[in-house]
């Protein structure tokens, strides 16, 4: 995973084949994996539609599920509109009881 991550830009976009995405490669931890995958998938679809800009800059480190919305918001404002930024996602992650699945946005 670390070798693959080194070949990715914008957390999960392949440097070798820019239309290929590896959503899990840039994640740090798996505690909120379904929620993280939903956020990443949302931005991938926005990028494919042309409404997000997933750049080709390597990140160089993994990103935890709390930091994903902060990182992607500046690249995908349509998926992270005003009022649904980092604080909203943080509250969703922290406010969901452990015995309940995260609501997927």
PDB file of N, CA and C in Angstrom:
ATOM      1  N   UNK A   1       0.818  -1.204   0.000  1.00  0.00           N
ATOM      2  CA  UNK A   1       0.000   0.000   0.000  1.00  0.00           C
ATOM      3  C   UNK A   1       0.855   1.258   0.000  1.00  0.00           C
ATOM      4  N   UNK A   2       1.973   1.231   0.725  1.00  0.00           N
ATOM      5  CA  UNK A   2       2.830   2.413   0.763  1.00  0.00           C
ATOM      6  C   UNK A   2       3.447   2.699  -0.599  1.00  0.00           C
ATOM      7  N   UNK A   3       3.857   1.654  -1.305  1.00  0.00           N
ATOM      8  CA  UNK A   3       4.413   1.848  -2.646  1.00  0.00           C
ATOM      9  C   UNK A   3       3.364   2.404  -3.597  1.00  0.00           C
ATOM     10  N   UNK A   4       2.148   1.859  -3.523  1.00  0.00           N
ATOM     11  CA  UNK A   4       1.071   2.358  -4.360  1.00  0.00           C
ATOM     12  C   UNK A   4       0.732   3.798  -3.983  1.00  0.00           C
ATOM     13  N   UNK A   5       0.686   4.089  -2.696  1.00  0.00           N
ATOM     14  CA  UNK A   5       0.400   5.446  -2.250  1.00  0.00           C
ATOM     15  C   UNK A   5       1.413   6.455  -2.754  1.00  0.00           C
ATOM     16  N   UNK A   6       2.659   6.038  -2.872  1.00  0.00           N
ATOM     17  CA  UNK A   6       3.699   6.934  -3.382  1.00  0.00           C
ATOM     18  C   UNK A   6       3.487   7.260  -4.859  1.00  0.00           C
ATOM     19  N   UNK A   7       2.705   6.461  -5.553  1.00  0.00           N
ATOM     20  CA  UNK A   7       2.424   6.681  -6.977  1.00  0.00           C
ATOM     21  C   UNK A   7       1.069   7.353  -7.187  1.00  0.00           C
ATOM     22  N   UNK A   8       0.530   7.938  -6.111  1.00  0.00           N
ATOM     23  CA  UNK A   8      -0.777   8.585  -6.206  1.00  0.00           C
ATOM     24  C   UNK A   8      -0.672  10.077  -5.902  1.00  0.00           C
ATOM     25  N   UNK A   9      -1.556  10.818  -6.517  1.00  0.00           N
ATOM     26  CA  UNK A   9      -1.689  12.245  -6.255  1.00  0.00           C
ATOM     27  C   UNK A   9      -3.044  12.490  -5.606  1.00  0.00           C
ATOM     28  N   UNK A  10      -3.199  13.609  -4.982  1.00  0.00           N
ATOM     29  CA  UNK A  10      -4.489  14.003  -4.403  1.00  0.00           C
ATOM     30  C   UNK A  10      -5.093  12.857  -3.592  1.00  0.00           C
ATOM     31  N   UNK A  11      -4.287  12.243  -2.772  1.00  0.00           N
ATOM     32  CA  UNK A  11      -4.600  11.115  -1.898  1.00  0.00           C
ATOM     33  C   UNK A  11      -4.718   9.796  -2.661  1.00  0.00           C
ATOM     34  N   UNK A  12      -5.448   9.758  -3.787  1.00  0.00           N
ATOM     35  CA  UNK A  12      -5.832   8.468  -4.360  1.00  0.00           C
ATOM     36  C   UNK A  12      -5.863   8.413  -5.877  1.00  0.00           C
ATOM     37  N   UNK A  13      -5.385   9.421  -6.571  1.00  0.00           N
ATOM     38  CA  UNK A  13      -5.416   9.447  -8.035  1.00  0.00           C
ATOM     39  C   UNK A  13      -4.074   8.972  -8.584  1.00  0.00           C
ATOM     40  N   UNK A  14      -4.095   7.985  -9.458  1.00  0.00           N
ATOM     41  CA  UNK A  14      -2.864   7.412  -9.994  1.00  0.00           C
ATOM     42  C   UNK A  14      -2.076   8.436 -10.803  1.00  0.00           C
ATOM     43  N   UNK A  15      -0.778   8.545 -10.510  1.00  0.00           N
ATOM     44  CA  UNK A  15       0.096   9.405 -11.305  1.00  0.00           C
ATOM     45  C   UNK A  15       0.375   8.792 -12.670  1.00  0.00           C
ATOM     46  N   UNK A  16       0.348   7.468 -12.736  1.00  0.00           N
ATOM     47  CA  UNK A  16       0.645   6.769 -13.982  1.00  0.00           C
ATOM     48  C   UNK A  16      -0.551   6.705 -14.927  1.00  0.00           C
ATOM     49  N   UNK A  17      -1.732   6.641 -14.389  1.00  0.00           N
ATOM     50  CA  UNK A  17      -2.969   6.569 -15.173  1.00  0.00           C
ATOM     51  C   UNK A  17      -3.990   7.470 -14.479  1.00  0.00           C
ATOM     52  N   UNK A  18      -4.015   8.763 -14.807  1.00  0.00           N
ATOM     53  CA  UNK A  18      -4.827   9.732 -14.067  1.00  0.00           C
ATOM     54  C   UNK A  18      -6.328   9.446 -13.987  1.00  0.00           C
ATOM     55  N   UNK A  19      -6.833   8.550 -14.835  1.00  0.00           N
ATOM     56  CA  UNK A  19      -8.246   8.189 -14.758  1.00  0.00           C
ATOM     57  C   UNK A  19      -8.471   6.947 -13.901  1.00  0.00           C
ATOM     58  N   UNK A  20      -7.441   6.539 -13.149  1.00  0.00           N
ATOM     59  CA  UNK A  20      -7.524   5.394 -12.261  1.00  0.00           C
ATOM     60  C   UNK A  20      -7.419   5.894 -10.819  1.00  0.00           C
ATOM     61  N   UNK A  21      -8.324   5.443  -9.949  1.00  0.00           N
ATOM     62  CA  UNK A  21      -8.384   5.929  -8.575  1.00  0.00           C
ATOM     63  C   UNK A  21      -8.257   4.750  -7.606  1.00  0.00           C
ATOM     64  N   UNK A  22      -7.553   4.965  -6.517  1.00  0.00           N
ATOM     65  CA  UNK A  22      -7.369   3.972  -5.467  1.00  0.00           C
ATOM     66  C   UNK A  22      -7.856   4.576  -4.153  1.00  0.00           C
ATOM     67  N   UNK A  23      -9.156   4.561  -3.890  1.00  0.00           N
ATOM     68  CA  UNK A  23      -9.696   5.269  -2.726  1.00  0.00           C
ATOM     69  C   UNK A  23      -9.102   4.901  -1.372  1.00  0.00           C
ATOM     70  N   UNK A  24      -8.681   3.686  -1.153  1.00  0.00           N
ATOM     71  CA  UNK A  24      -8.198   3.300   0.166  1.00  0.00           C
ATOM     72  C   UNK A  24      -6.738   3.567   0.426  1.00  0.00           C
ATOM     73  N   UNK A  25      -5.973   3.862  -0.612  1.00  0.00           N
ATOM     74  CA  UNK A  25      -4.529   3.931  -0.454  1.00  0.00           C
ATOM     75  C   UNK A  25      -4.068   5.092   0.424  1.00  0.00           C
ATOM     76  N   UNK A  26      -4.799   6.173   0.460  1.00  0.00           N
ATOM     77  CA  UNK A  26      -4.363   7.337   1.224  1.00  0.00           C
ATOM     78  C   UNK A  26      -4.940   7.441   2.616  1.00  0.00           C
ATOM     79  N   UNK A  27      -5.720   6.445   3.032  1.00  0.00           N
ATOM     80  CA  UNK A  27      -6.385   6.521   4.330  1.00  0.00           C
ATOM     81  C   UNK A  27      -5.476   6.070   5.459  1.00  0.00           C
ATOM     82  N   UNK A  28      -5.582   6.744   6.555  1.00  0.00           N
ATOM     83  CA  UNK A  28      -4.837   6.387   7.758  1.00  0.00           C
ATOM     84  C   UNK A  28      -5.823   5.824   8.761  1.00  0.00           C
ATOM     85  N   UNK A  29      -5.812   4.533   8.957  1.00  0.00           N
ATOM     86  CA  UNK A  29      -6.747   3.894   9.875  1.00  0.00           C
ATOM     87  C   UNK A  29      -7.994   3.437   9.152  1.00  0.00           C
ATOM     88  N   UNK A  30      -8.771   2.588   9.813  1.00  0.00           N
ATOM     89  CA  UNK A  30      -9.977   2.056   9.176  1.00  0.00           C
ATOM     90  C   UNK A  30     -11.212   2.236  10.047  1.00  0.00           C
ATOM     91  N   UNK A  31     -11.115   3.009  11.097  1.00  0.00           N
ATOM     92  CA  UNK A  31     -12.231   3.158  12.022  1.00  0.00           C
ATOM     93  C   UNK A  31     -13.498   3.679  11.385  1.00  0.00           C
ATOM     94  N   UNK A  32     -13.388   4.517  10.427  1.00  0.00           N
ATOM     95  CA  UNK A  32     -14.558   5.081   9.757  1.00  0.00           C
ATOM     96  C   UNK A  32     -14.464   4.831   8.263  1.00  0.00           C
ATOM     97  N   UNK A  33     -14.013   3.655   7.885  1.00  0.00           N
ATOM     98  CA  UNK A  33     -13.781   3.345   6.472  1.00  0.00           C
ATOM     99  C   UNK A  33     -15.006   3.573   5.592  1.00  0.00           C
ATOM    100  N   UNK A  34     -16.217   3.096   5.953  1.00  0.00           N
ATOM    101  CA  UNK A  34     -17.357   3.336   5.057  1.00  0.00           C
ATOM    102  C   UNK A  34     -17.617   4.825   4.828  1.00  0.00           C
ATOM    103  N   UNK A  35     -17.504   5.614   5.875  1.00  0.00           N
ATOM    104  CA  UNK A  35     -17.713   7.045   5.726  1.00  0.00           C
ATOM    105  C   UNK A  35     -16.612   7.659   4.868  1.00  0.00           C
ATOM    106  N   UNK A  36     -15.368   7.266   5.086  1.00  0.00           N
ATOM    107  CA  UNK A  36     -14.253   7.784   4.294  1.00  0.00           C
ATOM    108  C   UNK A  36     -14.416   7.406   2.832  1.00  0.00           C
ATOM    109  N   UNK A  37     -14.782   6.159   2.566  1.00  0.00           N
ATOM    110  CA  UNK A  37     -14.979   5.738   1.177  1.00  0.00           C
ATOM    111  C   UNK A  37     -16.111   6.521   0.519  1.00  0.00           C
ATOM    112  N   UNK A  38     -17.162   6.824   1.264  1.00  0.00           N
ATOM    113  CA  UNK A  38     -18.263   7.614   0.711  1.00  0.00           C
ATOM    114  C   UNK A  38     -17.781   9.013   0.335  1.00  0.00           C
ATOM    115  N   UNK A  39     -16.965   9.623   1.196  1.00  0.00           N
ATOM    116  CA  UNK A  39     -16.447  10.960   0.893  1.00  0.00           C
ATOM    117  C   UNK A  39     -15.548  10.930  -0.344  1.00  0.00           C
ATOM    118  N   UNK A  40     -14.661   9.938  -0.406  1.00  0.00           N
ATOM    119  CA  UNK A  40     -13.752   9.835  -1.536  1.00  0.00           C
ATOM    120  C   UNK A  40     -14.520   9.548  -2.829  1.00  0.00           C
ATOM    121  N   UNK A  41     -15.469   8.634  -2.789  1.00  0.00           N
ATOM    122  CA  UNK A  41     -16.247   8.293  -3.976  1.00  0.00           C
ATOM    123  C   UNK A  41     -17.024   9.508  -4.484  1.00  0.00           C
ATOM    124  N   UNK A  42     -17.538  10.275  -3.552  1.00  0.00           N
ATOM    125  CA  UNK A  42     -18.280  11.483  -3.924  1.00  0.00           C
ATOM    126  C   UNK A  42     -17.392  12.450  -4.716  1.00  0.00           C
ATOM    127  N   UNK A  43     -16.165  12.647  -4.248  1.00  0.00           N
ATOM    128  CA  UNK A  43     -15.263  13.567  -4.941  1.00  0.00           C
ATOM    129  C   UNK A  43     -14.747  12.983  -6.253  1.00  0.00           C
ATOM    130  N   UNK A  44     -14.556  11.676  -6.310  1.00  0.00           N
ATOM    131  CA  UNK A  44     -14.160  11.053  -7.581  1.00  0.00           C
ATOM    132  C   UNK A  44     -15.249  11.293  -8.629  1.00  0.00           C
ATOM    133  N   UNK A  45     -16.498  11.075  -8.254  1.00  0.00           N
ATOM    134  CA  UNK A  45     -17.595  11.293  -9.206  1.00  0.00           C
ATOM    135  C   UNK A  45     -17.697  12.763  -9.607  1.00  0.00           C
ATOM    136  N   UNK A  46     -17.479  13.667  -8.675  1.00  0.00           N
ATOM    137  CA  UNK A  46     -17.482  15.089  -9.018  1.00  0.00           C
ATOM    138  C   UNK A  46     -16.363  15.416  -9.999  1.00  0.00           C
ATOM    139  N   UNK A  47     -15.208  14.818  -9.779  1.00  0.00           N
ATOM    140  CA  UNK A  47     -14.073  15.042 -10.684  1.00  0.00           C
ATOM    141  C   UNK A  47     -14.387  14.506 -12.086  1.00  0.00           C
ATOM    142  N   UNK A  48     -14.967  13.326 -12.161  1.00  0.00           N
ATOM    143  CA  UNK A  48     -15.317  12.746 -13.457  1.00  0.00           C
ATOM    144  C   UNK A  48     -16.343  13.621 -14.174  1.00  0.00           C
ATOM    145  N   UNK A  49     -17.289  14.186 -13.418  1.00  0.00           N
ATOM    146  CA  UNK A  49     -18.296  15.087 -14.005  1.00  0.00           C
ATOM    147  C   UNK A  49     -17.717  16.444 -14.382  1.00  0.00           C
ATOM    148  N   UNK A  50     -16.519  16.742 -13.895  1.00  0.00           N
ATOM    149  CA  UNK A  50     -15.902  18.030 -14.199  1.00  0.00           C
ATOM    150  C   UNK A  50     -16.221  19.126 -13.203  1.00  0.00           C
ATOM    151  N   UNK A  51     -16.797  18.785 -12.058  1.00  0.00           N
ATOM    152  CA  UNK A  51     -17.159  19.799 -11.073  1.00  0.00           C
ATOM    153  C   UNK A  51     -16.206  19.842  -9.885  1.00  0.00           C
ATOM    154  N   UNK A  52     -15.176  18.991  -9.912  1.00  0.00           N
ATOM    155  CA  UNK A  52     -14.140  19.004  -8.875  1.00  0.00           C
ATOM    156  C   UNK A  52     -12.780  18.979  -9.564  1.00  0.00           C
ATOM    157  N   UNK A  53     -11.766  19.406  -8.847  1.00  0.00           N
ATOM    158  CA  UNK A  53     -10.413  19.454  -9.382  1.00  0.00           C
ATOM    159  C   UNK A  53      -9.493  18.630  -8.490  1.00  0.00           C
ATOM    160  N   UNK A  54      -9.340  17.359  -8.825  1.00  0.00           N
ATOM    161  CA  UNK A  54      -8.414  16.506  -8.090  1.00  0.00           C
ATOM    162  C   UNK A  54      -7.054  16.642  -8.757  1.00  0.00           C
ATOM    163  N   UNK A  55      -6.202  17.414  -8.159  1.00  0.00           N
ATOM    164  CA  UNK A  55      -4.924  17.758  -8.776  1.00  0.00           C
ATOM    165  C   UNK A  55      -3.982  16.560  -8.844  1.00  0.00           C
ATOM    166  N   UNK A  56      -2.855  16.769  -9.476  1.00  0.00           N
ATOM    167  CA  UNK A  56      -1.863  15.711  -9.665  1.00  0.00           C
ATOM    168  C   UNK A  56      -0.665  15.889  -8.730  1.00  0.00           C
ATOM    169  N   UNK A  57      -0.861  16.571  -7.605  1.00  0.00           N
ATOM    170  CA  UNK A  57       0.198  16.764  -6.631  1.00  0.00           C
ATOM    171  C   UNK A  57       0.200  15.625  -5.614  1.00  0.00           C
ATOM    172  N   UNK A  58       1.315  14.910  -5.478  1.00  0.00           N
ATOM    173  CA  UNK A  58       1.383  13.876  -4.436  1.00  0.00           C
ATOM    174  C   UNK A  58       1.261  14.511  -3.047  1.00  0.00           C
ATOM    175  N   UNK A  59       0.600  13.803  -2.152  1.00  0.00           N
ATOM    176  CA  UNK A  59       0.409  14.298  -0.792  1.00  0.00           C
ATOM    177  C   UNK A  59       1.604  13.930   0.082  1.00  0.00           C
ATOM    178  N   UNK A  60       2.112  12.722  -0.087  1.00  0.00           N
ATOM    179  CA  UNK A  60       3.308  12.316   0.654  1.00  0.00           C
ATOM    180  C   UNK A  60       3.055  11.729   2.021  1.00  0.00           C
ATOM    181  N   UNK A  61       1.780  11.666   2.425  1.00  0.00           N
ATOM    182  CA  UNK A  61       1.427  11.064   3.712  1.00  0.00           C
ATOM    183  C   UNK A  61      -0.021  10.621   3.649  1.00  0.00           C
ATOM    184  N   UNK A  62      -0.400   9.788   4.583  1.00  0.00           N
ATOM    185  CA  UNK A  62      -1.782   9.340   4.645  1.00  0.00           C
ATOM    186  C   UNK A  62      -2.625  10.386   5.359  1.00  0.00           C
ATOM    187  N   UNK A  63      -3.923  10.328   5.134  1.00  0.00           N
ATOM    188  CA  UNK A  63      -4.851  11.303   5.713  1.00  0.00           C
ATOM    189  C   UNK A  63      -5.923  10.544   6.480  1.00  0.00           C
ATOM    190  N   UNK A  64      -6.190  10.963   7.717  1.00  0.00           N
ATOM    191  CA  UNK A  64      -7.218  10.261   8.489  1.00  0.00           C
ATOM    192  C   UNK A  64      -8.607  10.762   8.109  1.00  0.00           C
ATOM    193  N   UNK A  65      -9.624  10.014   8.553  1.00  0.00           N
ATOM    194  CA  UNK A  65     -10.988  10.318   8.126  1.00  0.00           C
ATOM    195  C   UNK A  65     -11.476  11.680   8.575  1.00  0.00           C
ATOM    196  N   UNK A  66     -10.908  12.241   9.639  1.00  0.00           N
ATOM    197  CA  UNK A  66     -11.303  13.593  10.048  1.00  0.00           C
ATOM    198  C   UNK A  66     -10.747  14.656   9.108  1.00  0.00           C
ATOM    199  N   UNK A  67      -9.619  14.388   8.484  1.00  0.00           N
ATOM    200  CA  UNK A  67      -8.971  15.378   7.624  1.00  0.00           C
ATOM    201  C   UNK A  67      -9.411  15.297   6.169  1.00  0.00           C
ATOM    202  N   UNK A  68     -10.051  14.212   5.774  1.00  0.00           N
ATOM    203  CA  UNK A  68     -10.464  14.068   4.376  1.00  0.00           C
ATOM    204  C   UNK A  68     -11.368  15.212   3.920  1.00  0.00           C
ATOM    205  N   UNK A  69     -12.447  15.547   4.649  1.00  0.00           N
ATOM    206  CA  UNK A  69     -13.288  16.650   4.155  1.00  0.00           C
ATOM    207  C   UNK A  69     -12.545  17.976   4.083  1.00  0.00           C
ATOM    208  N   UNK A  70     -11.660  18.214   5.022  1.00  0.00           N
ATOM    209  CA  UNK A  70     -10.871  19.458   4.987  1.00  0.00           C
ATOM    210  C   UNK A  70      -9.990  19.477   3.741  1.00  0.00           C
ATOM    211  N   UNK A  71      -9.380  18.349   3.430  1.00  0.00           N
ATOM    212  CA  UNK A  71      -8.499  18.245   2.267  1.00  0.00           C
ATOM    213  C   UNK A  71      -9.285  18.362   0.959  1.00  0.00           C
ATOM    214  N   UNK A  72     -10.407  17.651   0.859  1.00  0.00           N
ATOM    215  CA  UNK A  72     -11.156  17.630  -0.394  1.00  0.00           C
ATOM    216  C   UNK A  72     -12.029  18.858  -0.613  1.00  0.00           C
ATOM    217  N   UNK A  73     -12.417  19.551   0.437  1.00  0.00           N
ATOM    218  CA  UNK A  73     -13.328  20.696   0.302  1.00  0.00           C
ATOM    219  C   UNK A  73     -12.784  21.764  -0.633  1.00  0.00           C
ATOM    220  N   UNK A  74     -11.504  22.021  -0.570  1.00  0.00           N
ATOM    221  CA  UNK A  74     -10.945  23.051  -1.452  1.00  0.00           C
ATOM    222  C   UNK A  74     -10.843  22.566  -2.894  1.00  0.00           C
ATOM    223  N   UNK A  75     -10.926  21.283  -3.124  1.00  0.00           N
ATOM    224  CA  UNK A  75     -10.855  20.723  -4.465  1.00  0.00           C
ATOM    225  C   UNK A  75     -12.244  20.367  -5.017  1.00  0.00           C
ATOM    226  N   UNK A  76     -13.213  20.216  -4.133  1.00  0.00           N
ATOM    227  CA  UNK A  76     -14.553  19.773  -4.519  1.00  0.00           C
ATOM    228  C   UNK A  76     -15.616  20.549  -3.739  1.00  0.00           C
ATOM    229  N   UNK A  77     -15.777  21.834  -4.035  1.00  0.00           N
ATOM    230  CA  UNK A  77     -16.736  22.636  -3.266  1.00  0.00           C
ATOM    231  C   UNK A  77     -18.185  22.188  -3.431  1.00  0.00           C
ATOM    232  N   UNK A  78     -18.512  21.510  -4.526  1.00  0.00           N
ATOM    233  CA  UNK A  78     -19.883  21.031  -4.718  1.00  0.00           C
ATOM    234  C   UNK A  78     -20.277  19.950  -3.730  1.00  0.00           C
ATOM    235  N   UNK A  79     -19.331  19.112  -3.346  1.00  0.00           N
ATOM    236  CA  UNK A  79     -19.614  18.050  -2.378  1.00  0.00           C
ATOM    237  C   UNK A  79     -19.476  18.525  -0.944  1.00  0.00           C
ATOM    238  N   UNK A  80     -18.845  19.666  -0.758  1.00  0.00           N
ATOM    239  CA  UNK A  80     -18.623  20.214   0.584  1.00  0.00           C
ATOM    240  C   UNK A  80     -19.070  21.674   0.614  1.00  0.00           C
ATOM    241  N   UNK A  81     -20.386  21.913   0.420  1.00  0.00           N
ATOM    242  CA  UNK A  81     -20.876  23.288   0.407  1.00  0.00           C
ATOM    243  C   UNK A  81     -20.808  23.929   1.787  1.00  0.00           C
ATOM    244  N   UNK A  82     -21.035  25.199   1.818  1.00  0.00           N
ATOM    245  CA  UNK A  82     -21.062  25.941   3.076  1.00  0.00           C
ATOM    246  C   UNK A  82     -21.984  25.244   4.064  1.00  0.00           C
ATOM    247  N   UNK A  83     -21.517  25.075   5.272  1.00  0.00           N
ATOM    248  CA  UNK A  83     -22.293  24.399   6.292  1.00  0.00           C
ATOM    249  C   UNK A  83     -22.079  22.895   6.331  1.00  0.00           C
ATOM    250  N   UNK A  84     -21.392  22.359   5.349  1.00  0.00           N
ATOM    251  CA  UNK A  84     -21.098  20.920   5.307  1.00  0.00           C
ATOM    252  C   UNK A  84     -19.601  20.709   5.173  1.00  0.00           C
ATOM    253  N   UNK A  85     -18.863  21.516   5.866  1.00  0.00           N
ATOM    254  CA  UNK A  85     -17.414  21.403   5.853  1.00  0.00           C
ATOM    255  C   UNK A  85     -16.917  20.459   6.924  1.00  0.00           C
ATOM    256  N   UNK A  86     -15.683  20.665   7.307  1.00  0.00           N
ATOM    257  CA  UNK A  86     -15.008  19.785   8.241  1.00  0.00           C
ATOM    258  C   UNK A  86     -15.787  19.634   9.542  1.00  0.00           C
ATOM    259  N   UNK A  87     -16.321  20.700  10.079  1.00  0.00           N
ATOM    260  CA  UNK A  87     -17.026  20.631  11.353  1.00  0.00           C
ATOM    261  C   UNK A  87     -18.257  19.734  11.262  1.00  0.00           C
ATOM    262  N   UNK A  88     -18.997  19.838  10.160  1.00  0.00           N
ATOM    263  CA  UNK A  88     -20.183  19.016   9.970  1.00  0.00           C
ATOM    264  C   UNK A  88     -19.807  17.542   9.928  1.00  0.00           C
ATOM    265  N   UNK A  89     -18.773  17.190   9.152  1.00  0.00           N
ATOM    266  CA  UNK A  89     -18.322  15.800   9.042  1.00  0.00           C
ATOM    267  C   UNK A  89     -17.747  15.303  10.363  1.00  0.00           C
ATOM    268  N   UNK A  90     -17.041  16.158  11.060  1.00  0.00           N
ATOM    269  CA  UNK A  90     -16.473  15.771  12.358  1.00  0.00           C
ATOM    270  C   UNK A  90     -17.590  15.432  13.333  1.00  0.00           C
ATOM    271  N   UNK A  91     -18.629  16.244  13.366  1.00  0.00           N
ATOM    272  CA  UNK A  91     -19.767  15.986  14.246  1.00  0.00           C
ATOM    273  C   UNK A  91     -20.475  14.694  13.854  1.00  0.00           C
ATOM    274  N   UNK A  92     -20.596  14.449  12.561  1.00  0.00           N
ATOM    275  CA  UNK A  92     -21.201  13.203  12.109  1.00  0.00           C
ATOM    276  C   UNK A  92     -20.386  12.003  12.596  1.00  0.00           C
ATOM    277  N   UNK A  93     -19.067  12.079  12.432  1.00  0.00           N
ATOM    278  CA  UNK A  93     -18.196  10.971  12.837  1.00  0.00           C
ATOM    279  C   UNK A  93     -18.200  10.783  14.353  1.00  0.00           C
ATOM    280  N   UNK A  94     -18.110  11.865  15.097  1.00  0.00           N
ATOM    281  CA  UNK A  94     -18.057  11.761  16.556  1.00  0.00           C
ATOM    282  C   UNK A  94     -19.425  11.544  17.192  1.00  0.00           C
ATOM    283  N   UNK A  95     -20.475  12.019  16.528  1.00  0.00           N
ATOM    284  CA  UNK A  95     -21.806  11.956  17.099  1.00  0.00           C
ATOM    285  C   UNK A  95     -22.580  10.683  16.795  1.00  0.00           C
ATOM    286  N   UNK A  96     -22.036   9.849  15.924  1.00  0.00           N
ATOM    287  CA  UNK A  96     -22.718   8.597  15.604  1.00  0.00           C
ATOM    288  C   UNK A  96     -22.350   7.562  16.657  1.00  0.00           C
ATOM    289  N   UNK A  97     -23.323   7.001  17.352  1.00  0.00           N
ATOM    290  CA  UNK A  97     -23.014   5.999  18.380  1.00  0.00           C
ATOM    291  C   UNK A  97     -22.255   4.806  17.797  1.00  0.00           C
ATOM    292  N   UNK A  98     -21.426   4.205  18.616  1.00  0.00           N
ATOM    293  CA  UNK A  98     -20.598   3.094  18.165  1.00  0.00           C
ATOM    294  C   UNK A  98     -21.408   1.896  17.688  1.00  0.00           C
ATOM    295  N   UNK A  99     -22.615   1.746  18.177  1.00  0.00           N
ATOM    296  CA  UNK A  99     -23.417   0.589  17.787  1.00  0.00           C
ATOM    297  C   UNK A  99     -24.273   0.842  16.543  1.00  0.00           C
ATOM    298  N   UNK A 100     -24.093   2.014  15.904  1.00  0.00           N
ATOM    299  CA  UNK A 100     -24.846   2.349  14.702  1.00  0.00           C
ATOM    300  C   UNK A 100     -23.894   2.620  13.562  1.00  0.00           C
ATOM    301  N   UNK A 101     -24.246   2.233  12.340  1.00  0.00           N
ATOM    302  CA  UNK A 101     -23.380   2.563  11.198  1.00  0.00           C
ATOM    303  C   UNK A 101     -23.459   4.056  10.893  1.00  0.00           C
ATOM    304  N   UNK A 102     -22.398   4.557  10.306  1.00  0.00           N
ATOM    305  CA  UNK A 102     -22.412   5.956   9.883  1.00  0.00           C
ATOM    306  C   UNK A 102     -23.454   6.131   8.783  1.00  0.00           C
ATOM    307  N   UNK A 103     -24.235   7.206   8.838  1.00  0.00           N
ATOM    308  CA  UNK A 103     -25.143   7.482   7.728  1.00  0.00           C
ATOM    309  C   UNK A 103     -24.310   7.942   6.541  1.00  0.00           C
ATOM    310  N   UNK A 104     -24.490   7.308   5.413  1.00  0.00           N
ATOM    311  CA  UNK A 104     -23.714   7.682   4.240  1.00  0.00           C
ATOM    312  C   UNK A 104     -24.398   8.844   3.547  1.00  0.00           C
ATOM    313  N   UNK A 105     -23.648   9.897   3.303  1.00  0.00           N
ATOM    314  CA  UNK A 105     -24.235  11.109   2.713  1.00  0.00           C
ATOM    315  C   UNK A 105     -24.607  10.924   1.260  1.00  0.00           C
TER     316      UNK A 105
END
